[in-house]
């Protein structure tokens, strides 16, 4: 009988809001741009008493190269994003000598979900235009929402 091989699938799509401003830096070897940030994603569910409850999941995200630069320029604390990527883990030695491991999302694409004013002026977060794919939508109140889809490619 032939051996069955499990498919290698590692894909994550999650939407949430940044918990803090992104942290941008460049690697020591080569100066490659990298940005780290965390998002909070809310989940609503009914408990055993049929009451609505809310749970928050905090997820770390890392982005590299041009995607990192776009995040640095466009994202701030509380910015709404949709992240498409893959899970990765990394391990390092802490200052006290213990080994630490973190699981985070390595972003492939990030969609900025910033709200804009109808007249096209930047909102209070100082949204900066980028030459990526964009679409505009109006909500019921006439506010314009701009969706930007950025890729790490």
Protein backbone atom coordinates (compact mmCIF):
# COMPACT_ATOMS: atom_id res chain seq x y z
CA UNK A 1 0.00 0.00 0.00
CA UNK A 2 1.31 3.45 -0.90
CA UNK A 3 2.19 5.86 1.87
CA UNK A 4 -0.14 8.80 2.33
CA UNK A 5 1.51 12.16 2.55
CA UNK A 6 -0.25 14.97 4.36
CA UNK A 7 -0.56 18.14 2.27
CA UNK A 8 1.65 20.97 3.44
CA UNK A 9 -0.81 23.79 3.99
CA UNK A 10 0.06 26.82 6.07
CA UNK A 11 -2.31 29.70 5.38
CA UNK A 12 -3.88 32.32 7.67
CA UNK A 13 -6.33 35.14 6.97
CA UNK A 14 -7.24 37.37 9.90
CA UNK A 15 -8.66 40.86 10.38
CA UNK A 16 -8.15 43.09 13.39
CA UNK A 17 -6.85 46.37 14.75
CA UNK A 18 -3.26 47.22 15.68
CA UNK A 19 -2.71 47.26 19.44
CA UNK A 20 0.32 49.61 19.18
CA UNK A 21 2.25 51.48 16.52
CA UNK A 22 4.27 49.14 14.29
CA UNK A 23 7.96 48.66 15.12
CA UNK A 24 10.14 49.16 12.03
CA UNK A 25 13.80 48.24 11.77
CA UNK A 26 16.37 46.97 9.30
CA UNK A 27 18.39 43.79 9.64
CA UNK A 28 22.06 44.09 10.58
CA UNK A 29 23.09 41.98 7.60
CA UNK A 30 22.00 43.74 4.43
CA UNK A 31 19.61 46.31 5.88
CA UNK A 32 16.46 44.43 4.87
CA UNK A 33 13.34 46.30 6.07
CA UNK A 34 11.17 44.45 8.60
CA UNK A 35 8.17 45.55 10.65
CA UNK A 36 6.45 43.88 13.60
CA UNK A 37 3.03 44.66 15.01
CA UNK A 38 0.22 42.96 16.91
CA UNK A 39 -3.45 42.94 16.09
CA UNK A 40 -6.47 42.26 18.26
CA UNK A 41 -9.18 40.14 16.70
CA UNK A 42 -12.56 39.91 18.46
CA UNK A 43 -14.73 36.80 18.49
CA UNK A 44 -18.37 36.83 19.62
CA UNK A 45 -20.05 33.68 20.87
CA UNK A 46 -22.96 32.56 23.03
CA UNK A 47 -22.12 31.00 26.38
CA UNK A 48 -23.97 28.11 28.03
CA UNK A 49 -26.59 30.61 29.30
CA UNK A 50 -27.16 31.86 25.73
CA UNK A 51 -25.63 35.23 26.60
CA UNK A 52 -23.37 36.95 24.09
CA UNK A 53 -19.72 36.99 25.15
CA UNK A 54 -16.67 38.46 23.47
CA UNK A 55 -13.17 37.03 23.42
CA UNK A 56 -10.08 38.84 22.11
CA UNK A 57 -7.22 37.06 20.37
CA UNK A 58 -3.90 38.92 20.11
CA UNK A 59 -1.73 37.91 17.16
CA UNK A 60 1.76 39.02 16.19
CA UNK A 61 2.52 39.89 12.56
CA UNK A 62 5.84 40.33 10.77
CA UNK A 63 6.26 41.84 7.28
CA UNK A 64 9.38 42.22 5.17
CA UNK A 65 10.81 44.42 2.39
CA UNK A 66 8.38 46.76 0.54
CA UNK A 67 5.44 45.46 2.55
CA UNK A 68 7.28 46.44 5.75
CA UNK A 69 7.91 49.95 4.41
CA UNK A 70 4.24 50.37 3.44
CA UNK A 71 3.18 49.26 6.93
CA UNK A 72 5.60 51.73 8.51
CA UNK A 73 4.21 54.56 6.40
CA UNK A 74 0.49 53.73 6.64
CA UNK A 75 -0.28 51.96 9.92
CA UNK A 76 -0.71 53.35 13.41
CA UNK A 77 -2.21 52.13 16.66
CA UNK A 78 -5.87 51.11 16.10
CA UNK A 79 -5.51 50.88 12.29
CA UNK A 80 -7.74 48.17 10.84
CA UNK A 81 -6.06 45.55 8.65
CA UNK A 82 -6.72 42.24 6.97
CA UNK A 83 -3.61 40.04 6.94
CA UNK A 84 -3.02 37.09 4.61
CA UNK A 85 0.04 35.04 5.43
CA UNK A 86 1.46 31.93 7.02
CA UNK A 87 2.29 30.88 10.56
CA UNK A 88 5.94 30.75 11.50
CA UNK A 89 7.72 30.15 14.76
CA UNK A 90 11.05 31.49 15.91
CA UNK A 91 13.15 30.79 18.97
CA UNK A 92 15.76 32.95 20.69
CA UNK A 93 17.71 33.16 23.94
CA UNK A 94 16.41 35.74 26.40
CA UNK A 95 18.76 37.87 28.50
CA UNK A 96 18.22 35.55 31.47
CA UNK A 97 19.46 32.61 29.37
CA UNK A 98 16.08 30.94 28.90
CA UNK A 99 14.87 29.90 25.48
CA UNK A 100 11.81 31.76 24.17
CA UNK A 101 9.55 30.80 21.27
CA UNK A 102 6.88 32.82 19.52
CA UNK A 103 4.39 31.88 16.82
CA UNK A 104 3.42 34.77 14.54
CA UNK A 105 2.01 35.46 11.10
CA UNK A 106 4.51 36.14 8.32
CA UNK A 107 2.47 38.45 6.09
CA UNK A 108 2.22 37.83 2.36
CA UNK A 109 -0.42 40.49 1.74
CA UNK A 110 -1.97 43.18 3.94
CA UNK A 111 -5.14 45.05 3.16
CA UNK A 112 -5.45 48.42 4.89
CA UNK A 113 -9.01 49.11 6.01
CA UNK A 114 -8.72 52.81 6.84
CA UNK A 115 -11.80 55.00 6.73
CA UNK A 116 -11.52 58.15 4.60
CA UNK A 117 -13.61 61.26 4.31
CA UNK A 118 -15.88 61.58 1.29
CA UNK A 119 -13.98 64.57 -0.14
CA UNK A 120 -10.82 62.48 -0.36
CA UNK A 121 -8.88 64.24 2.36
CA UNK A 122 -6.76 62.14 4.65
CA UNK A 123 -8.37 61.05 7.90
CA UNK A 124 -7.00 61.74 11.38
CA UNK A 125 -4.54 58.84 11.05
CA UNK A 126 -2.66 60.60 8.22
CA UNK A 127 -3.27 57.96 5.59
CA UNK A 128 -0.66 58.13 2.82
CA UNK A 129 -1.39 57.06 -0.76
CA UNK A 130 0.51 54.14 -2.22
CA UNK A 131 0.61 52.99 -5.85
CA UNK A 132 -0.96 49.60 -5.10
CA UNK A 133 -4.34 48.22 -6.16
CA UNK A 134 -7.15 50.27 -4.62
CA UNK A 135 -10.92 50.20 -4.55
CA UNK A 136 -13.32 52.70 -3.00
CA UNK A 137 -16.71 52.02 -1.40
CA UNK A 138 -19.30 54.32 0.17
CA UNK A 139 -21.12 53.26 3.33
CA UNK A 140 -24.73 54.15 4.21
CA UNK A 141 -23.62 57.47 5.75
CA UNK A 142 -21.74 58.55 2.61
CA UNK A 143 -18.28 57.97 4.10
CA UNK A 144 -15.70 56.62 1.71
CA UNK A 145 -13.76 53.51 2.65
CA UNK A 146 -10.53 52.78 0.86
CA UNK A 147 -9.17 49.28 0.66
CA UNK A 148 -5.55 48.79 -0.29
CA UNK A 149 -4.14 45.39 -1.09
CA UNK A 150 -0.39 45.14 -0.66
CA UNK A 151 1.77 42.18 -1.45
CA UNK A 152 5.19 41.14 -0.20
CA UNK A 153 6.15 40.18 -3.77
